[in-house]
Amino acid sequence: MHQGPIVVFVRGITLFIGIVASACSADSQADDVALFSFGAIADCQYCDEEGTRRQYRLSPQKLENCIEDFNSQPLAHVVHLGDFIDRDWKSFDVVLPIAEKSKAHIYHVLGNHDFAVEDRYKNQVPKRLGLKKRYYGFTVENWRFLILDTNDVSLYAYPKGSRKAKESEAIYDSLGGDLPKYNGGIGVTQMKWIEKQLILAEKRGEHVALHSHHPVYPFTNHSAWNAREIVGLLEKYSCVTAFINGHNHRGAYGLKKGIHYLTLKGMVDTEETSYATVSVFPGRIEVSGKGRQDDYYLEIRERD
């Protein structure tokens, strides 16, 4: 387990969690080189409408500028954390060609607004975003990335009357019928897949970072329906290092049992952009925010 403190720097603020002095010197940290870096965007959320709370029509230019910035960096990949569009199938025609300019491969996470299209298109959304599967994984260096689908169980992601829609409605009712309908959850099959991936990572000595659209911690009205169950599963495995997501446009951060939970701020909200470059070093993760997005310095706990 981790022997020193877990240290979190948030753009000018330093939080020390723990009481034992770290063995790593500031000089050694300053001298080392990132193992790899990747770009991260949350909630581009474009549609061709004048928003009152969100600047939908500014998203294409923000995305263009973001991709241009990412292309100037040696990134392993880019991840968009869901809600690539706000609504309307035709919205994909505007933002996807911009994303295709990225030199680094873009991994898409499915968001609730990505399914705000006509019923006849709902089952085509993953394919439209270039996905063969709704949840999947890949590895970079000694890191395993798991892309989750927190719309797996939801009231918006499936055509009305379909088997999956009926199953989701039944689960929603069984949970009390009063959870936010703009959230969703992870089903039994996907939960089993996650655990198999974590067991594999443990055996191989890998670190694991997970991405979803909905947050799972801190627990709020933006969280996935079964967030506590998901967090409980992650806490069983010392390989889990970070969980990075979108959905809550204000952003958030939490640390629980050595796992960093980071919600990136939404790109769409104001005239100012928001995205980040995430750099992975031995012993730490540095999040370099652009626009509204804060910076973070996150220490990685030692593996059991």
C-alpha atoms as a PDB file:
ATOM      1  CA  MET A   1       0.000   0.000   0.000  1.00  0.00           C
ATOM      2  CA  HIS A   2       0.974   3.689  -0.291  1.00  0.00           C
ATOM      3  CA  GLN A   3       3.644   4.615   2.278  1.00  0.00           C
ATOM      4  CA  GLY A   4       3.764   8.391   1.808  1.00  0.00           C
ATOM      5  CA  PRO A   5       1.000  10.970   1.593  1.00  0.00           C
ATOM      6  CA  ILE A   6      -1.223  11.296  -1.418  1.00  0.00           C
ATOM      7  CA  VAL A   7      -0.667  14.846  -2.602  1.00  0.00           C
ATOM      8  CA  VAL A   8      -3.123  16.724  -4.759  1.00  0.00           C
ATOM      9  CA  PHE A   9      -2.305  20.098  -6.307  1.00  0.00           C
ATOM     10  CA  VAL A  10      -5.261  21.951  -7.799  1.00  0.00           C
ATOM     11  CA  ARG A  11      -4.143  25.091  -9.662  1.00  0.00           C
ATOM     12  CA  GLY A  12      -2.514  26.966  -6.847  1.00  0.00           C
ATOM     13  CA  ILE A  13      -3.969  24.886  -3.998  1.00  0.00           C
ATOM     14  CA  THR A  14      -2.086  22.024  -2.378  1.00  0.00           C
ATOM     15  CA  LEU A  15      -3.894  19.287  -0.481  1.00  0.00           C
ATOM     16  CA  PHE A  16      -1.837  16.853   1.589  1.00  0.00           C
ATOM     17  CA  ILE A  17      -3.621  13.626   2.424  1.00  0.00           C
ATOM     18  CA  GLY A  18      -1.633  11.478   4.848  1.00  0.00           C
ATOM     19  CA  ILE A  19       0.930  12.116   7.539  1.00  0.00           C
ATOM     20  CA  VAL A  20       4.158  10.439   6.442  1.00  0.00           C
ATOM     21  CA  ALA A  21       6.760  12.382   4.458  1.00  0.00           C
ATOM     22  CA  SER A  22       7.061  11.357   0.818  1.00  0.00           C
ATOM     23  CA  ALA A  23      10.244   9.600  -0.198  1.00  0.00           C
ATOM     24  CA  CYS A  24      10.345  11.324  -3.577  1.00  0.00           C
ATOM     25  CA  SER A  25      12.198  14.617  -3.782  1.00  0.00           C
ATOM     26  CA  ALA A  26      10.892  17.562  -5.761  1.00  0.00           C
ATOM     27  CA  ASP A  27      14.112  17.560  -7.795  1.00  0.00           C
ATOM     28  CA  SER A  28      13.739  13.944  -8.932  1.00  0.00           C
ATOM     29  CA  GLN A  29      10.113  14.587  -9.922  1.00  0.00           C
ATOM     30  CA  ALA A  30      11.094  17.658 -11.889  1.00  0.00           C
ATOM     31  CA  ASP A  31      13.767  15.767 -13.803  1.00  0.00           C
ATOM     32  CA  ASP A  32      11.796  12.728 -14.930  1.00  0.00           C
ATOM     33  CA  VAL A  33       9.942  12.364 -18.189  1.00  0.00           C
ATOM     34  CA  ALA A  34       6.306  11.455 -18.798  1.00  0.00           C
ATOM     35  CA  LEU A  35       5.699   7.841 -19.750  1.00  0.00           C
ATOM     36  CA  PHE A  36       2.975   9.104 -22.079  1.00  0.00           C
ATOM     37  CA  SER A  37       0.350  11.835 -22.348  1.00  0.00           C
ATOM     38  CA  PHE A  38      -3.200  11.930 -23.675  1.00  0.00           C
ATOM     39  CA  GLY A  39      -5.776  14.587 -24.412  1.00  0.00           C
ATOM     40  CA  ALA A  40      -9.126  14.690 -22.604  1.00  0.00           C
ATOM     41  CA  ILE A  41     -12.297  16.584 -23.504  1.00  0.00           C
ATOM     42  CA  ALA A  42     -15.667  16.538 -21.779  1.00  0.00           C
ATOM     43  CA  ASP A  43     -19.024  17.577 -23.207  1.00  0.00           C
ATOM     44  CA  CYS A  44     -18.333  19.282 -26.527  1.00  0.00           C
ATOM     45  CA  GLN A  45     -22.130  18.973 -26.793  1.00  0.00           C
ATOM     46  CA  TYR A  46     -22.765  20.707 -30.119  1.00  0.00           C
ATOM     47  CA  CYS A  47     -26.111  21.510 -31.695  1.00  0.00           C
ATOM     48  CA  ASP A  48     -27.174  24.247 -34.067  1.00  0.00           C
ATOM     49  CA  GLU A  49     -29.140  26.290 -31.564  1.00  0.00           C
ATOM     50  CA  GLU A  50     -28.615  29.446 -29.570  1.00  0.00           C
ATOM     51  CA  GLY A  51     -28.305  28.340 -25.974  1.00  0.00           C
ATOM     52  CA  THR A  52     -29.325  30.324 -22.925  1.00  0.00           C
ATOM     53  CA  ARG A  53     -27.079  28.480 -20.441  1.00  0.00           C
ATOM     54  CA  ARG A  54     -24.636  26.881 -22.893  1.00  0.00           C
ATOM     55  CA  GLN A  55     -22.820  28.103 -25.977  1.00  0.00           C
ATOM     56  CA  TYR A  56     -23.712  25.276 -28.360  1.00  0.00           C
ATOM     57  CA  ARG A  57     -22.741  27.041 -31.573  1.00  0.00           C
ATOM     58  CA  LEU A  58     -19.263  27.853 -30.276  1.00  0.00           C
ATOM     59  CA  SER A  59     -18.387  24.199 -29.764  1.00  0.00           C
ATOM     60  CA  PRO A  60     -17.139  23.471 -33.318  1.00  0.00           C
ATOM     61  CA  GLN A  61     -14.583  26.286 -33.163  1.00  0.00           C
ATOM     62  CA  LYS A  62     -13.536  25.314 -29.640  1.00  0.00           C
ATOM     63  CA  LEU A  63     -13.093  21.717 -30.798  1.00  0.00           C
ATOM     64  CA  GLU A  64     -11.113  22.891 -33.836  1.00  0.00           C
ATOM     65  CA  ASN A  65      -8.750  24.892 -31.622  1.00  0.00           C
ATOM     66  CA  CYS A  66      -8.467  22.022 -29.151  1.00  0.00           C
ATOM     67  CA  ILE A  67      -7.539  19.490 -31.839  1.00  0.00           C
ATOM     68  CA  GLU A  68      -4.993  21.906 -33.271  1.00  0.00           C
ATOM     69  CA  ASP A  69      -3.431  22.198 -29.795  1.00  0.00           C
ATOM     70  CA  PHE A  70      -3.443  18.422 -29.297  1.00  0.00           C
ATOM     71  CA  ASN A  71      -1.828  17.939 -32.702  1.00  0.00           C
ATOM     72  CA  SER A  72       1.113  20.047 -31.544  1.00  0.00           C
ATOM     73  CA  GLN A  73       1.746  17.611 -28.678  1.00  0.00           C
ATOM     74  CA  PRO A  74       3.120  14.033 -28.729  1.00  0.00           C
ATOM     75  CA  LEU A  75      -0.055  12.358 -27.449  1.00  0.00           C
ATOM     76  CA  ALA A  76      -0.691   8.625 -27.209  1.00  0.00           C
ATOM     77  CA  HIS A  77      -4.409   9.214 -27.758  1.00  0.00           C
ATOM     78  CA  VAL A  78      -7.335  11.536 -27.084  1.00  0.00           C
ATOM     79  CA  VAL A  79     -10.511  10.679 -25.201  1.00  0.00           C
ATOM     80  CA  HIS A  80     -13.843  12.477 -25.464  1.00  0.00           C
ATOM     81  CA  LEU A  81     -15.807  11.772 -22.284  1.00  0.00           C
ATOM     82  CA  GLY A  82     -19.330  11.735 -23.695  1.00  0.00           C
ATOM     83  CA  ASP A  83     -21.971  14.168 -24.978  1.00  0.00           C
ATOM     84  CA  PHE A  84     -20.208  14.901 -28.252  1.00  0.00           C
ATOM     85  CA  ILE A  85     -23.519  16.409 -29.385  1.00  0.00           C
ATOM     86  CA  ASP A  86     -26.403  17.923 -27.480  1.00  0.00           C
ATOM     87  CA  ARG A  87     -29.163  16.614 -29.764  1.00  0.00           C
ATOM     88  CA  ASP A  88     -30.083  15.880 -33.406  1.00  0.00           C
ATOM     89  CA  TRP A  89     -28.479  13.203 -35.597  1.00  0.00           C
ATOM     90  CA  LYS A  90     -27.238  15.836 -38.049  1.00  0.00           C
ATOM     91  CA  SER A  91     -25.092  17.405 -35.319  1.00  0.00           C
ATOM     92  CA  PHE A  92     -22.597  14.554 -35.725  1.00  0.00           C
ATOM     93  CA  ASP A  93     -21.981  15.733 -39.305  1.00  0.00           C
ATOM     94  CA  VAL A  94     -20.512  18.978 -37.977  1.00  0.00           C
ATOM     95  CA  VAL A  95     -18.211  17.831 -35.177  1.00  0.00           C
ATOM     96  CA  LEU A  96     -17.013  14.424 -36.411  1.00  0.00           C
ATOM     97  CA  PRO A  97     -15.043  15.852 -39.399  1.00  0.00           C
ATOM     98  CA  ILE A  98     -13.269  18.179 -36.955  1.00  0.00           C
ATOM     99  CA  ALA A  99     -12.380  15.297 -34.644  1.00  0.00           C
ATOM    100  CA  GLU A 100     -11.048  13.338 -37.612  1.00  0.00           C
ATOM    101  CA  LYS A 101      -8.287  15.949 -37.973  1.00  0.00           C
ATOM    102  CA  SER A 102      -6.703  14.614 -34.794  1.00  0.00           C
ATOM    103  CA  LYS A 103      -3.307  12.998 -35.335  1.00  0.00           C
ATOM    104  CA  ALA A 104      -3.855  10.882 -32.213  1.00  0.00           C
ATOM    105  CA  HIS A 105      -6.664   8.330 -32.199  1.00  0.00           C
ATOM    106  CA  ILE A 106      -9.815   9.599 -30.465  1.00  0.00           C
ATOM    107  CA  TYR A 107     -11.582   7.172 -28.126  1.00  0.00           C
ATOM    108  CA  HIS A 108     -15.220   8.115 -27.602  1.00  0.00           C
ATOM    109  CA  VAL A 109     -17.193   7.568 -24.419  1.00  0.00           C
ATOM    110  CA  LEU A 110     -20.968   7.416 -24.861  1.00  0.00           C
ATOM    111  CA  GLY A 111     -22.933  10.178 -23.113  1.00  0.00           C
ATOM    112  CA  ASN A 112     -26.627  10.676 -22.453  1.00  0.00           C
ATOM    113  CA  HIS A 113     -26.965  13.530 -24.975  1.00  0.00           C
ATOM    114  CA  ASP A 114     -25.399  11.414 -27.707  1.00  0.00           C
ATOM    115  CA  PHE A 115     -28.674   9.465 -27.632  1.00  0.00           C
ATOM    116  CA  ALA A 116     -30.853  12.593 -27.900  1.00  0.00           C
ATOM    117  CA  VAL A 117     -31.734  11.599 -31.458  1.00  0.00           C
ATOM    118  CA  GLU A 118     -34.773  10.052 -33.093  1.00  0.00           C
ATOM    119  CA  ASP A 119     -35.546   6.486 -32.025  1.00  0.00           C
ATOM    120  CA  ARG A 120     -34.592   5.132 -35.445  1.00  0.00           C
ATOM    121  CA  TYR A 121     -31.023   6.355 -34.909  1.00  0.00           C
ATOM    122  CA  LYS A 122     -30.430   5.331 -31.282  1.00  0.00           C
ATOM    123  CA  ASN A 123     -28.929   1.919 -32.046  1.00  0.00           C
ATOM    124  CA  GLN A 124     -26.629   3.528 -34.623  1.00  0.00           C
ATOM    125  CA  VAL A 125     -25.014   6.039 -32.241  1.00  0.00           C
ATOM    126  CA  PRO A 126     -22.035   3.847 -31.205  1.00  0.00           C
ATOM    127  CA  LYS A 127     -21.192   3.040 -34.837  1.00  0.00           C
ATOM    128  CA  ARG A 128     -21.534   6.731 -35.773  1.00  0.00           C
ATOM    129  CA  LEU A 129     -18.836   7.456 -33.210  1.00  0.00           C
ATOM    130  CA  GLY A 130     -16.631   4.718 -34.632  1.00  0.00           C
ATOM    131  CA  LEU A 131     -17.262   2.222 -31.846  1.00  0.00           C
ATOM    132  CA  LYS A 132     -17.492  -1.521 -32.367  1.00  0.00           C
ATOM    133  CA  LYS A 133     -18.583  -1.986 -28.757  1.00  0.00           C
ATOM    134  CA  ARG A 134     -20.309   0.286 -26.258  1.00  0.00           C
ATOM    135  CA  TYR A 135     -17.637  -0.430 -23.639  1.00  0.00           C
ATOM    136  CA  TYR A 136     -14.086  -1.551 -24.294  1.00  0.00           C
ATOM    137  CA  GLY A 137     -10.467  -1.360 -23.171  1.00  0.00           C
ATOM    138  CA  PHE A 138      -6.961  -0.736 -24.463  1.00  0.00           C
ATOM    139  CA  THR A 139      -3.452  -0.507 -23.056  1.00  0.00           C
ATOM    140  CA  VAL A 140      -0.677   2.093 -23.206  1.00  0.00           C
ATOM    141  CA  GLU A 141       2.704   1.281 -21.661  1.00  0.00           C
ATOM    142  CA  ASN A 142       1.873  -0.446 -18.364  1.00  0.00           C
ATOM    143  CA  TRP A 143      -1.581   1.145 -18.119  1.00  0.00           C
ATOM    144  CA  ARG A 144      -4.944  -0.413 -18.892  1.00  0.00           C
ATOM    145  CA  PHE A 145      -7.712   2.008 -19.891  1.00  0.00           C
ATOM    146  CA  LEU A 146     -11.332   0.917 -19.499  1.00  0.00           C
ATOM    147  CA  ILE A 147     -13.977   2.875 -21.404  1.00  0.00           C
ATOM    148  CA  LEU A 148     -17.297   2.297 -19.646  1.00  0.00           C
ATOM    149  CA  ASP A 149     -20.889   2.759 -20.774  1.00  0.00           C
ATOM    150  CA  THR A 150     -22.955   4.339 -17.990  1.00  0.00           C
ATOM    151  CA  ASN A 151     -25.923   4.515 -20.381  1.00  0.00           C
ATOM    152  CA  ASP A 152     -26.030   0.714 -20.376  1.00  0.00           C
ATOM    153  CA  VAL A 153     -29.138   0.859 -18.173  1.00  0.00           C
ATOM    154  CA  SER A 154     -31.015   4.087 -18.954  1.00  0.00           C
ATOM    155  CA  LEU A 155     -34.309   5.597 -20.014  1.00  0.00           C
ATOM    156  CA  TYR A 156     -32.994   7.377 -23.121  1.00  0.00           C
ATOM    157  CA  ALA A 157     -30.458   5.137 -24.916  1.00  0.00           C
ATOM    158  CA  TYR A 158     -32.846   2.638 -26.542  1.00  0.00           C
ATOM    159  CA  PRO A 159     -35.861   2.859 -28.873  1.00  0.00           C
ATOM    160  CA  LYS A 160     -39.181   2.922 -27.034  1.00  0.00           C
ATOM    161  CA  GLY A 161     -40.699  -0.517 -26.628  1.00  0.00           C
ATOM    162  CA  SER A 162     -37.414  -2.344 -27.235  1.00  0.00           C
ATOM    163  CA  ARG A 163     -36.301  -5.111 -24.891  1.00  0.00           C
ATOM    164  CA  LYS A 164     -33.465  -3.000 -23.464  1.00  0.00           C
ATOM    165  CA  ALA A 165     -35.796  -0.059 -22.909  1.00  0.00           C
ATOM    166  CA  LYS A 166     -38.270  -2.243 -20.999  1.00  0.00           C
ATOM    167  CA  GLU A 167     -35.495  -3.802 -18.912  1.00  0.00           C
ATOM    168  CA  SER A 168     -34.142  -0.368 -18.045  1.00  0.00           C
ATOM    169  CA  GLU A 169     -37.590   0.891 -17.057  1.00  0.00           C
ATOM    170  CA  ALA A 170     -38.039  -2.088 -14.737  1.00  0.00           C
ATOM    171  CA  ILE A 171     -34.646  -1.505 -13.115  1.00  0.00           C
ATOM    172  CA  TYR A 172     -35.379   2.206 -12.714  1.00  0.00           C
ATOM    173  CA  ASP A 173     -38.669   1.422 -10.974  1.00  0.00           C
ATOM    174  CA  SER A 174     -36.948  -1.141  -8.730  1.00  0.00           C
ATOM    175  CA  LEU A 175     -34.520   1.581  -7.607  1.00  0.00           C
ATOM    176  CA  GLY A 176     -37.410   3.728  -6.415  1.00  0.00           C
ATOM    177  CA  GLY A 177     -38.317   5.561  -9.609  1.00  0.00           C
ATOM    178  CA  ASP A 178     -36.964   8.884  -8.334  1.00  0.00           C
ATOM    179  CA  LEU A 179     -33.371   8.919  -9.613  1.00  0.00           C
ATOM    180  CA  PRO A 180     -32.432  11.585 -12.193  1.00  0.00           C
ATOM    181  CA  LYS A 181     -33.556  10.417 -15.613  1.00  0.00           C
ATOM    182  CA  TYR A 182     -30.561  12.065 -17.309  1.00  0.00           C
ATOM    183  CA  ASN A 183     -28.288   9.582 -15.532  1.00  0.00           C
ATOM    184  CA  GLY A 184     -27.877   5.881 -16.225  1.00  0.00           C
ATOM    185  CA  GLY A 185     -26.074   2.884 -14.839  1.00  0.00           C
ATOM    186  CA  ILE A 186     -23.901  -0.118 -15.579  1.00  0.00           C
ATOM    187  CA  GLY A 187     -25.590  -3.486 -16.065  1.00  0.00           C
ATOM    188  CA  VAL A 188     -24.652  -6.900 -14.702  1.00  0.00           C
ATOM    189  CA  THR A 189     -22.820  -8.107 -17.824  1.00  0.00           C
ATOM    190  CA  GLN A 190     -20.666  -4.997 -18.014  1.00  0.00           C
ATOM    191  CA  MET A 191     -19.894  -5.165 -14.277  1.00  0.00           C
ATOM    192  CA  LYS A 192     -18.597  -8.711 -14.757  1.00  0.00           C
ATOM    193  CA  TRP A 193     -16.470  -7.532 -17.679  1.00  0.00           C
ATOM    194  CA  ILE A 194     -14.987  -4.727 -15.565  1.00  0.00           C
ATOM    195  CA  GLU A 195     -14.029  -7.166 -12.825  1.00  0.00           C
ATOM    196  CA  LYS A 196     -12.377  -9.532 -15.306  1.00  0.00           C
ATOM    197  CA  GLN A 197     -10.339  -6.603 -16.650  1.00  0.00           C
ATOM    198  CA  LEU A 198      -9.269  -5.600 -13.130  1.00  0.00           C
ATOM    199  CA  ILE A 199      -8.262  -9.165 -12.269  1.00  0.00           C
ATOM    200  CA  LEU A 200      -6.179  -9.301 -15.458  1.00  0.00           C
ATOM    201  CA  ALA A 201      -4.531  -5.963 -14.638  1.00  0.00           C
ATOM    202  CA  GLU A 202      -3.706  -7.182 -11.125  1.00  0.00           C
ATOM    203  CA  LYS A 203      -2.019 -10.293 -12.524  1.00  0.00           C
ATOM    204  CA  ARG A 204      -0.015  -8.284 -15.051  1.00  0.00           C
ATOM    205  CA  GLY A 205       1.025  -5.561 -12.612  1.00  0.00           C
ATOM    206  CA  GLU A 206      -0.737  -2.828 -14.592  1.00  0.00           C
ATOM    207  CA  HIS A 207      -2.249   0.434 -13.420  1.00  0.00           C
ATOM    208  CA  VAL A 208      -5.877   1.007 -14.418  1.00  0.00           C
ATOM    209  CA  ALA A 209      -7.588   4.248 -15.410  1.00  0.00           C
ATOM    210  CA  LEU A 210     -11.308   4.217 -16.156  1.00  0.00           C
ATOM    211  CA  HIS A 211     -13.410   6.622 -18.192  1.00  0.00           C
ATOM    212  CA  SER A 212     -17.163   7.018 -18.261  1.00  0.00           C
ATOM    213  CA  HIS A 213     -19.555   9.846 -18.973  1.00  0.00           C
ATOM    214  CA  HIS A 214     -21.337   9.894 -15.628  1.00  0.00           C
ATOM    215  CA  PRO A 215     -19.292  10.346 -12.453  1.00  0.00           C
ATOM    216  CA  VAL A 216     -19.295   7.708  -9.747  1.00  0.00           C
ATOM    217  CA  TYR A 217     -17.652   9.700  -6.928  1.00  0.00           C
ATOM    218  CA  PRO A 218     -18.171  12.033  -5.099  1.00  0.00           C
ATOM    219  CA  PHE A 219     -21.784  10.843  -4.848  1.00  0.00           C
ATOM    220  CA  THR A 220     -24.101  13.571  -6.224  1.00  0.00           C
ATOM    221  CA  ASN A 221     -27.243  13.914  -8.329  1.00  0.00           C
ATOM    222  CA  HIS A 222     -24.986  13.571 -11.399  1.00  0.00           C
ATOM    223  CA  SER A 223     -23.702  10.127 -10.388  1.00  0.00           C
ATOM    224  CA  ALA A 224     -24.451   6.891 -12.207  1.00  0.00           C
ATOM    225  CA  TRP A 225     -27.449   5.096 -10.711  1.00  0.00           C
ATOM    226  CA  ASN A 226     -25.313   2.304  -9.241  1.00  0.00           C
ATOM    227  CA  ALA A 227     -22.276   4.483  -8.471  1.00  0.00           C
ATOM    228  CA  ARG A 228     -21.805   3.005  -4.997  1.00  0.00           C
ATOM    229  CA  GLU A 229     -21.722  -0.507  -6.411  1.00  0.00           C
ATOM    230  CA  ILE A 230     -19.172   0.540  -9.043  1.00  0.00           C
ATOM    231  CA  VAL A 231     -16.936   2.269  -6.494  1.00  0.00           C
ATOM    232  CA  GLY A 232     -17.196  -0.756  -4.209  1.00  0.00           C
ATOM    233  CA  LEU A 233     -15.930  -2.978  -7.021  1.00  0.00           C
ATOM    234  CA  LEU A 234     -13.015  -0.673  -7.876  1.00  0.00           C
ATOM    235  CA  GLU A 235     -11.885  -0.509  -4.257  1.00  0.00           C
ATOM    236  CA  LYS A 236     -11.252  -4.258  -4.218  1.00  0.00           C
ATOM    237  CA  TYR A 237      -8.288  -3.872  -6.582  1.00  0.00           C
ATOM    238  CA  SER A 238      -5.080  -1.941  -5.867  1.00  0.00           C
ATOM    239  CA  CYS A 239      -4.425  -1.591  -9.612  1.00  0.00           C
ATOM    240  CA  VAL A 240      -7.149   1.066  -9.913  1.00  0.00           C
ATOM    241  CA  THR A 241      -5.532   4.493  -9.960  1.00  0.00           C
ATOM    242  CA  ALA A 242      -7.884   7.006 -11.565  1.00  0.00           C
ATOM    243  CA  PHE A 243     -11.442   7.480 -12.797  1.00  0.00           C
ATOM    244  CA  ILE A 244     -11.895  10.415 -15.202  1.00  0.00           C
ATOM    245  CA  ASN A 245     -15.320  11.419 -16.551  1.00  0.00           C
ATOM    246  CA  GLY A 246     -17.575  14.226 -17.751  1.00  0.00           C
ATOM    247  CA  HIS A 247     -21.326  14.999 -17.347  1.00  0.00           C
ATOM    248  CA  ASN A 248     -21.130  17.419 -14.399  1.00  0.00           C
ATOM    249  CA  HIS A 249     -20.087  20.510 -16.335  1.00  0.00           C
ATOM    250  CA  ARG A 250     -18.895  22.322 -13.211  1.00  0.00           C
ATOM    251  CA  GLY A 251     -16.199  19.697 -12.659  1.00  0.00           C
ATOM    252  CA  ALA A 252     -15.349  17.880  -9.430  1.00  0.00           C
ATOM    253  CA  TYR A 253     -12.633  15.951  -7.640  1.00  0.00           C
ATOM    254  CA  GLY A 254     -12.630  13.286  -4.951  1.00  0.00           C
ATOM    255  CA  LEU A 255     -10.138  10.893  -3.418  1.00  0.00           C
ATOM    256  CA  LYS A 256     -11.383   7.651  -1.916  1.00  0.00           C
ATOM    257  CA  LYS A 257      -9.217   4.765  -0.726  1.00  0.00           C
ATOM    258  CA  GLY A 258      -6.317   5.770  -2.943  1.00  0.00           C
ATOM    259  CA  ILE A 259      -8.360   6.240  -6.140  1.00  0.00           C
ATOM    260  CA  HIS A 260      -8.528   9.666  -7.788  1.00  0.00           C
ATOM    261  CA  TYR A 261     -11.971  10.568  -9.169  1.00  0.00           C
ATOM    262  CA  LEU A 262     -11.817  13.538 -11.540  1.00  0.00           C
ATOM    263  CA  THR A 263     -14.722  15.144 -13.394  1.00  0.00           C
ATOM    264  CA  LEU A 264     -13.574  17.470 -16.182  1.00  0.00           C
ATOM    265  CA  LYS A 265     -15.460  20.693 -16.820  1.00  0.00           C
ATOM    266  CA  GLY A 266     -17.674  20.895 -19.904  1.00  0.00           C
ATOM    267  CA  MET A 267     -16.349  22.474 -23.095  1.00  0.00           C
ATOM    268  CA  VAL A 268     -19.771  23.794 -24.134  1.00  0.00           C
ATOM    269  CA  ASP A 269     -20.734  25.963 -21.188  1.00  0.00           C
ATOM    270  CA  THR A 270     -19.189  29.394 -21.714  1.00  0.00           C
ATOM    271  CA  GLU A 271     -17.356  31.403 -24.341  1.00  0.00           C
ATOM    272  CA  GLU A 272     -14.158  30.056 -22.767  1.00  0.00           C
ATOM    273  CA  THR A 273     -13.055  26.568 -23.739  1.00  0.00           C
ATOM    274  CA  SER A 274     -12.255  23.657 -21.414  1.00  0.00           C
ATOM    275  CA  TYR A 275     -10.096  20.558 -21.961  1.00  0.00           C
ATOM    276  CA  ALA A 276      -6.900  19.020 -20.609  1.00  0.00           C
ATOM    277  CA  THR A 277      -3.671  17.227 -21.363  1.00  0.00           C
ATOM    278  CA  VAL A 278      -3.081  14.347 -18.943  1.00  0.00           C
ATOM    279  CA  SER A 279       0.532  13.273 -18.479  1.00  0.00           C
ATOM    280  CA  VAL A 280       1.443  10.039 -16.719  1.00  0.00           C
ATOM    281  CA  PHE A 281       4.776   9.947 -14.879  1.00  0.00           C
ATOM    282  CA  PRO A 282       6.294   7.317 -12.617  1.00  0.00           C
ATOM    283  CA  GLY A 283       4.491   7.999  -9.366  1.00  0.00           C
ATOM    284  CA  ARG A 284       2.133  10.767 -10.439  1.00  0.00           C
ATOM    285  CA  ILE A 285      -0.410  12.088 -12.939  1.00  0.00           C
ATOM    286  CA  GLU A 286      -0.350  15.718 -14.036  1.00  0.00           C
ATOM    287  CA  VAL A 287      -3.504  17.263 -15.489  1.00  0.00           C
ATOM    288  CA  SER A 288      -2.780  20.454 -17.412  1.00  0.00           C
ATOM    289  CA  GLY A 289      -6.040  22.296 -17.961  1.00  0.00           C
ATOM    290  CA  LYS A 290      -6.873  24.754 -20.712  1.00  0.00           C
ATOM    291  CA  GLY A 291      -9.491  27.465 -20.416  1.00  0.00           C
ATOM    292  CA  ARG A 292     -11.829  26.806 -17.485  1.00  0.00           C
ATOM    293  CA  GLN A 293     -10.288  23.447 -16.671  1.00  0.00           C
ATOM    294  CA  ASP A 294      -8.186  23.316 -13.479  1.00  0.00           C
ATOM    295  CA  ASP A 295      -4.745  21.750 -13.201  1.00  0.00           C
ATOM    296  CA  TYR A 296      -4.205  18.711 -10.956  1.00  0.00           C
ATOM    297  CA  TYR A 297      -1.147  16.925  -9.600  1.00  0.00           C
ATOM    298  CA  LEU A 298      -2.168  13.462  -8.439  1.00  0.00           C
ATOM    299  CA  GLU A 299       0.173  11.066  -6.704  1.00  0.00           C
ATOM    300  CA  ILE A 300      -0.150   7.389  -7.648  1.00  0.00           C
ATOM    301  CA  ARG A 301      -0.387   4.980  -4.751  1.00  0.00           C
ATOM    302  CA  GLU A 302       1.952   2.037  -4.668  1.00  0.00           C
ATOM    303  CA  ARG A 303       0.588  -1.324  -5.717  1.00  0.00           C
ATOM    304  CA  ASP A 304      -0.001  -4.019  -3.082  1.00  0.00           C
END
